[in-house]
Amino acid sequence: MMLLQRHTPKGTRQVLATVDGETGVVEGFESTLDLATHAIASGISLSDAVARAGLGERVDPAKELAAGRLVVPVDHPDSAHLTLAGTGLTHLGSAEGRDRMHKAAAAGDASDSMRMFLEGLAGGKPEAGAIGHQPEWFWKGDGQHLAGPGQLLKVPPYALDGGEEPEIAAIYLIGPDGTPYRLGFCLANEYSDHITEKHNYLWLAHSKLRQASLGPELFVGALPQDIRGTARIRRGDNVAWEKPFLTGEANMAHTIANLEHHHFKYDLFCRPGDVHVHFFGTSTASFADGFATRDGDIFEIEAPPFTLPLVNTLRVSEEAEELKRVKAL
């Protein structure tokens, strides 16, 4: 099942569900957050909640997307109660790359990133019920940084770069007793500043404090083990860069359960009513190929089982960075 959210011509919000290839309005709910809150309170799954509510008006998701009516499939009315975070060095990459890392580690000159990757490779998929090695973790901001399908991804005055990172993100709602409930998975662009990060890896935190975008569909259910997608950048009428990307646990050094544990083990991330968007990482980015993005570039990410692409346009600020002044009281 897929869940979507749309604006109606009257300015109201609706939840859409795609079940067995047919998409309709979920009766009685104005947001996915409301639907999920109802499901938790009722002790039922999202699929059961949709089945009980029933589907009303039938719609065409592709036409809704083209008309600009689809928004992110899950959000929160108070942006301070939506957390964007992610984990890196989680994907296997190529065999050649892993071999270089192993050789570097054996020679005693492995970087911190290489060591963390190898530790994840060795301990990121523990036996069921066990706790595995913790991954690299980063914070991207709150709901103010969340961009939806078709929205701009902005390069602020202090940024040195704006580059795509095609991946999967999971969406969670914290229940009344502090239990995290996974609602589903989205296509995502964990948009980052790679030049800032490359200057010094200790600037990773700075490089990640940028927007991120989610595709229009929330995939409800078990994520396929092997996901194969395509990321591309259009510049004008041309495809300026394109590359496949792999994700899903078959292509990762960590299990999703291990990544979830090492995020939600912190009590401050288990505040009832909060929404969390967690990005699982990627091994593909145009920056790694020496590609430099420009204002007006269009990022496109697509991958089954998602039927709709995630498309965003890059917008570079023309303003100069100004000194931020603080007033003493």
Protein backbone atom coordinates (compact mmCIF):
# COMPACT_ATOMS: atom_id res chain seq x y z
CA MET A 1 0.00 0.00 0.00
CA MET A 2 1.05 3.57 -0.72
CA LEU A 3 -0.12 6.64 1.20
CA LEU A 4 -0.04 10.14 -0.28
CA GLN A 5 -1.23 13.61 0.76
CA ARG A 6 -2.67 16.27 -1.50
CA HIS A 7 -4.02 19.80 -1.47
CA THR A 8 -7.48 20.10 -2.96
CA PRO A 9 -8.54 23.04 -5.16
CA LYS A 10 -10.53 24.27 -2.14
CA GLY A 11 -7.35 24.49 -0.05
CA THR A 12 -8.11 21.52 2.20
CA ARG A 13 -5.92 18.46 2.72
CA GLN A 14 -6.70 14.83 1.94
CA VAL A 15 -5.01 11.47 2.43
CA LEU A 16 -4.83 9.19 -0.58
CA ALA A 17 -4.16 5.46 -0.56
CA THR A 18 -3.10 3.20 -3.39
CA VAL A 19 -4.33 -0.35 -2.82
CA ASP A 20 -4.08 -3.07 -5.48
CA GLY A 21 -3.23 -0.48 -8.13
CA GLU A 22 -6.22 1.77 -7.41
CA THR A 23 -5.89 5.16 -5.68
CA GLY A 24 -8.65 6.88 -3.77
CA VAL A 25 -9.32 9.39 -1.00
CA VAL A 26 -9.18 7.90 2.50
CA GLU A 27 -12.48 8.94 4.03
CA GLY A 28 -12.48 10.89 7.29
CA PHE A 29 -8.82 11.93 7.55
CA GLU A 30 -7.09 15.16 6.52
CA SER A 31 -3.49 14.02 7.11
CA THR A 32 -1.38 10.89 7.32
CA LEU A 33 -0.45 11.99 10.84
CA ASP A 34 -4.14 11.88 11.84
CA LEU A 35 -4.54 8.46 10.22
CA ALA A 36 -1.45 7.06 11.97
CA THR A 37 -2.48 8.53 15.33
CA HIS A 38 -5.89 6.87 14.94
CA ALA A 39 -4.27 3.53 14.03
CA ILE A 40 -2.02 3.58 17.10
CA ALA A 41 -4.91 4.50 19.41
CA SER A 42 -7.04 1.73 17.89
CA GLY A 43 -4.29 -0.88 18.04
CA ILE A 44 -4.51 -1.59 14.31
CA SER A 45 -2.19 -1.30 11.32
CA LEU A 46 -2.24 1.51 8.78
CA SER A 47 -3.58 -0.92 6.19
CA ASP A 48 -6.42 -1.91 8.48
CA ALA A 49 -7.15 1.74 9.27
CA VAL A 50 -7.45 2.50 5.55
CA ALA A 51 -9.63 -0.57 4.97
CA ARG A 52 -11.99 0.44 7.79
CA ALA A 53 -12.18 4.05 6.59
CA GLY A 54 -12.77 3.06 2.98
CA LEU A 55 -11.74 4.79 -0.23
CA GLY A 56 -13.89 7.51 -1.73
CA GLU A 57 -13.18 9.54 -4.87
CA ARG A 58 -10.73 7.79 -7.21
CA VAL A 59 -7.76 9.84 -8.41
CA ASP A 60 -4.76 9.47 -10.72
CA PRO A 61 -1.55 10.02 -8.65
CA ALA A 62 0.53 10.90 -11.73
CA LYS A 63 -1.93 13.63 -12.71
CA GLU A 64 -2.02 14.93 -9.13
CA LEU A 65 1.77 15.11 -9.11
CA ALA A 66 1.90 16.87 -12.48
CA ALA A 67 -0.67 19.39 -11.22
CA GLY A 68 1.49 20.17 -8.18
CA ARG A 69 -1.14 19.03 -5.69
CA LEU A 70 0.89 16.31 -3.95
CA VAL A 71 2.89 17.23 -0.85
CA VAL A 72 5.20 15.17 1.37
CA PRO A 73 3.31 12.03 2.42
CA VAL A 74 3.89 12.69 6.14
CA ASP A 75 4.44 16.00 7.93
CA HIS A 76 3.65 17.72 11.23
CA PRO A 77 1.71 20.97 11.81
CA ASP A 78 4.46 22.10 14.22
CA SER A 79 7.81 21.90 12.41
CA ALA A 80 9.67 21.76 15.73
CA HIS A 81 8.14 18.33 16.33
CA LEU A 82 9.55 16.78 13.14
CA THR A 83 13.15 15.59 13.27
CA LEU A 84 15.33 15.00 10.19
CA ALA A 85 18.31 12.74 10.84
CA GLY A 86 20.29 10.08 9.05
CA THR A 87 23.08 7.55 9.02
CA GLY A 88 26.06 7.38 6.70
CA LEU A 89 28.66 4.79 5.66
CA THR A 90 25.84 2.25 5.62
CA HIS A 91 26.01 0.96 2.04
CA LEU A 92 28.36 -1.62 0.59
CA GLY A 93 29.34 0.21 -2.57
CA SER A 94 31.48 -1.66 -5.06
CA ALA A 95 33.62 -4.70 -4.25
CA GLU A 96 36.66 -2.79 -5.50
CA GLY A 97 35.98 0.04 -3.07
CA ARG A 98 35.61 -2.35 -0.14
CA ASP A 99 38.85 -4.08 -1.12
CA ARG A 100 40.72 -0.77 -1.11
CA MET A 101 39.33 -0.02 2.34
CA HIS A 102 40.41 -3.41 3.71
CA LYS A 103 43.90 -2.97 2.30
CA ALA A 104 44.17 0.51 3.77
CA ALA A 105 43.06 -0.75 7.17
CA ALA A 106 45.54 -3.61 7.04
CA ALA A 107 48.31 -1.14 6.26
CA GLY A 108 47.37 0.90 9.31
CA ASP A 109 46.51 4.05 7.39
CA ALA A 110 42.74 3.76 7.17
CA SER A 111 40.78 6.96 7.69
CA ASP A 112 38.16 7.30 10.41
CA SER A 113 35.50 6.91 7.71
CA MET A 114 37.08 3.70 6.45
CA ARG A 115 37.34 2.27 9.94
CA MET A 116 33.71 3.08 10.67
CA PHE A 117 32.61 1.48 7.42
CA LEU A 118 34.59 -1.68 8.17
CA GLU A 119 33.21 -1.85 11.71
CA GLY A 120 29.71 -1.57 10.31
CA LEU A 121 30.48 -4.25 7.74
CA ALA A 122 31.64 -6.55 10.53
CA GLY A 123 28.97 -5.76 13.11
CA GLY A 124 26.10 -3.91 11.47
CA LYS A 125 23.96 -6.99 10.92
CA PRO A 126 23.76 -8.71 14.32
CA GLU A 127 21.68 -11.77 15.10
CA ALA A 128 18.03 -11.14 15.83
CA GLY A 129 17.63 -9.63 19.28
CA ALA A 130 21.24 -8.46 19.49
CA ILE A 131 22.62 -4.91 19.25
CA GLY A 132 25.04 -4.27 16.41
CA HIS A 133 27.74 -1.69 15.82
CA GLN A 134 26.55 1.91 15.85
CA PRO A 135 26.72 3.79 12.53
CA GLU A 136 27.75 7.31 11.65
CA TRP A 137 24.83 9.56 12.62
CA PHE A 138 23.90 13.13 11.71
CA TRP A 139 21.12 15.65 12.26
CA LYS A 140 19.64 17.61 9.35
CA GLY A 141 17.21 19.88 11.16
CA ASP A 142 13.49 19.95 11.79
CA GLY A 143 10.39 20.28 9.64
CA GLN A 144 11.53 23.66 8.31
CA HIS A 145 14.13 21.78 6.23
CA LEU A 146 11.66 19.32 4.72
CA ALA A 147 10.94 19.85 1.01
CA GLY A 148 8.23 18.07 -0.91
CA PRO A 149 7.98 16.82 -4.48
CA GLY A 150 8.50 19.63 -7.00
CA GLN A 151 9.77 22.11 -4.41
CA LEU A 152 13.06 23.99 -4.58
CA LEU A 153 16.22 22.78 -2.86
CA LYS A 154 18.07 25.93 -1.88
CA VAL A 155 21.79 26.66 -1.67
CA PRO A 156 22.03 29.25 1.14
CA PRO A 157 24.61 32.09 1.03
CA TYR A 158 26.99 30.26 3.39
CA ALA A 159 26.97 26.99 1.41
CA LEU A 160 29.71 25.87 -0.96
CA ASP A 161 27.72 23.21 -2.79
CA GLY A 162 24.29 21.66 -3.20
CA GLY A 163 24.39 18.03 -4.21
CA GLU A 164 21.91 15.17 -4.36
CA GLU A 165 22.04 11.94 -2.35
CA PRO A 166 19.49 9.42 -3.65
CA GLU A 167 18.29 7.06 -0.94
CA ILE A 168 15.44 5.70 1.14
CA ALA A 169 14.06 7.37 4.26
CA ALA A 170 11.81 5.82 6.87
CA ILE A 171 9.05 7.76 8.62
CA TYR A 172 8.16 7.23 12.28
CA LEU A 173 5.55 8.48 14.73
CA ILE A 174 6.21 8.25 18.46
CA GLY A 175 3.26 6.73 20.29
CA PRO A 176 1.76 7.93 23.59
CA ASP A 177 3.99 5.58 25.61
CA GLY A 178 7.20 6.58 23.80
CA THR A 179 7.23 3.65 21.38
CA PRO A 180 8.46 4.51 17.86
CA TYR A 181 6.07 3.28 15.15
CA ARG A 182 7.44 2.97 11.62
CA LEU A 183 4.80 4.21 9.20
CA GLY A 184 6.67 3.33 6.03
CA PHE A 185 9.39 4.33 3.58
CA CYS A 186 9.86 7.13 1.05
CA LEU A 187 12.14 7.93 -1.84
CA ALA A 188 14.44 10.67 -0.60
CA ASN A 189 17.06 13.19 -1.61
CA GLU A 190 19.31 13.67 1.43
CA TYR A 191 20.62 16.87 -0.11
CA SER A 192 24.04 17.92 1.29
CA ASP A 193 27.01 20.28 0.94
CA HIS A 194 29.81 17.97 -0.17
CA ILE A 195 32.47 20.65 -0.66
CA THR A 196 32.12 21.76 2.95
CA GLU A 197 32.34 18.15 4.12
CA LYS A 198 35.37 17.42 1.93
CA HIS A 199 37.31 20.38 3.36
CA ASN A 200 37.36 18.68 6.77
CA TYR A 201 35.29 15.69 7.86
CA LEU A 202 34.72 17.43 11.22
CA TRP A 203 32.55 19.84 9.21
CA LEU A 204 30.15 17.00 8.42
CA ALA A 205 27.64 18.45 10.90
CA HIS A 206 27.72 21.80 9.06
CA SER A 207 27.39 20.13 5.66
CA LYS A 208 24.27 18.22 6.68
CA LEU A 209 22.32 21.22 8.02
CA ARG A 210 20.50 21.64 4.74
CA GLN A 211 17.10 20.79 3.32
CA ALA A 212 16.07 17.30 2.34
CA SER A 213 13.22 16.16 0.12
CA LEU A 214 10.81 13.25 0.16
CA GLY A 215 9.00 11.64 -2.72
CA PRO A 216 5.20 11.75 -2.87
CA GLU A 217 4.57 8.13 -1.83
CA LEU A 218 4.83 6.44 1.57
CA PHE A 219 5.39 2.73 1.01
CA VAL A 220 3.63 0.85 3.83
CA GLY A 221 4.98 -2.63 4.51
CA ALA A 222 8.30 -4.48 4.46
CA LEU A 223 10.89 -2.73 2.30
CA PRO A 224 12.23 -4.96 -0.51
CA GLN A 225 15.69 -6.31 0.24
CA ASP A 226 17.14 -5.22 -3.10
CA ILE A 227 16.14 -1.84 -4.51
CA ARG A 228 17.64 -0.61 -7.78
CA GLY A 229 16.98 2.96 -8.82
CA THR A 230 18.30 5.74 -11.01
CA ALA A 231 19.42 9.24 -10.10
CA ARG A 232 19.89 11.89 -12.76
CA ILE A 233 20.47 15.61 -13.09
CA ARG A 234 18.86 17.51 -15.94
CA ARG A 235 20.38 20.77 -17.12
CA GLY A 236 18.16 22.51 -19.62
CA ASP A 237 17.07 19.98 -22.22
CA ASN A 238 19.93 17.60 -21.49
CA VAL A 239 20.70 14.89 -18.96
CA ALA A 240 23.96 16.20 -17.50
CA TRP A 241 24.59 13.27 -15.15
CA GLU A 242 22.93 9.92 -14.53
CA LYS A 243 23.80 6.86 -12.49
CA PRO A 244 22.07 3.83 -10.97
CA PHE A 245 21.96 3.42 -7.20
CA LEU A 246 21.41 0.39 -5.00
CA THR A 247 19.76 0.27 -1.62
CA GLY A 248 17.73 -2.07 0.57
CA GLU A 249 19.31 -4.32 3.21
CA ALA A 250 20.89 -6.61 0.60
CA ASN A 251 23.08 -3.66 -0.39
CA MET A 252 23.71 -2.32 3.11
CA ALA A 253 26.27 -3.01 5.83
CA HIS A 254 23.62 -2.53 8.52
CA THR A 255 20.14 -3.87 9.09
CA ILE A 256 17.37 -1.32 9.26
CA ALA A 257 16.59 -2.60 12.76
CA ASN A 258 20.16 -1.80 13.87
CA LEU A 259 19.98 1.71 12.43
CA GLU A 260 16.64 2.23 14.16
CA HIS A 261 17.97 1.06 17.52
CA HIS A 262 20.90 3.46 17.42
CA HIS A 263 18.58 6.38 16.69
CA PHE A 264 15.78 5.65 19.11
CA LYS A 265 18.02 4.50 21.97
CA TYR A 266 18.12 8.20 22.89
CA ASP A 267 15.14 9.11 25.05
CA LEU A 268 14.88 12.60 23.56
CA PHE A 269 13.92 10.96 20.25
CA CYS A 270 11.02 9.10 21.88
CA ARG A 271 8.84 12.09 22.73
CA PRO A 272 5.16 11.20 22.19
CA GLY A 273 3.58 12.79 19.13
CA ASP A 274 6.85 13.60 17.35
CA VAL A 275 7.52 12.59 13.74
CA HIS A 276 10.98 11.38 12.68
CA VAL A 277 12.34 11.15 9.15
CA HIS A 278 15.47 9.01 9.06
CA PHE A 279 17.69 8.74 5.97
CA PHE A 280 19.47 5.41 5.50
CA GLY A 281 22.38 6.56 3.31
CA THR A 282 23.63 5.98 -0.20
CA SER A 283 26.74 5.04 -2.13
CA THR A 284 25.95 7.17 -5.19
CA ALA A 285 26.35 10.92 -5.66
CA SER A 286 27.29 13.10 -8.63
CA PHE A 287 29.91 14.91 -6.53
CA ALA A 288 31.91 11.66 -6.28
CA ASP A 289 32.13 11.70 -10.10
CA GLY A 290 33.49 15.26 -10.13
CA PHE A 291 30.18 16.77 -11.24
CA ALA A 292 29.45 20.33 -10.08
CA THR A 293 25.79 21.30 -9.77
CA ARG A 294 24.46 24.68 -10.94
CA ASP A 295 21.47 26.88 -10.31
CA GLY A 296 18.45 25.51 -12.15
CA ASP A 297 19.64 21.89 -12.25
CA ILE A 298 16.80 19.42 -11.80
CA PHE A 299 17.32 16.37 -9.58
CA GLU A 300 15.33 13.26 -10.49
CA ILE A 301 15.25 10.09 -8.39
CA GLU A 302 13.19 7.02 -9.21
CA ALA A 303 13.13 3.43 -8.00
CA PRO A 304 10.62 0.59 -7.76
CA PRO A 305 8.53 -0.21 -5.76
CA PHE A 306 7.74 3.53 -5.87
CA THR A 307 5.70 4.43 -8.93
CA LEU A 308 6.26 8.21 -8.87
CA PRO A 309 9.64 9.98 -9.12
CA LEU A 310 11.07 12.55 -6.74
CA VAL A 311 11.89 15.74 -8.65
CA ASN A 312 13.36 18.96 -7.21
CA THR A 313 15.05 22.00 -8.73
CA LEU A 314 18.25 23.53 -7.33
CA ARG A 315 18.13 27.23 -6.48
CA VAL A 316 21.37 29.02 -5.61
CA SER A 317 21.04 32.11 -3.45
CA GLU A 318 22.28 35.34 -5.02
CA GLU A 319 22.70 36.98 -1.62
CA ALA A 320 26.05 37.32 0.12
CA GLU A 321 26.52 35.84 3.56
CA GLU A 322 26.05 38.46 6.26
CA LEU A 323 27.40 38.46 9.78
CA LYS A 324 24.73 37.21 12.16
CA ARG A 325 24.63 39.61 15.07
CA VAL A 326 23.47 38.64 18.53
CA LYS A 327 21.98 41.16 20.96
CA ALA A 328 22.77 41.02 24.64
CA LEU A 329 19.91 41.57 27.10
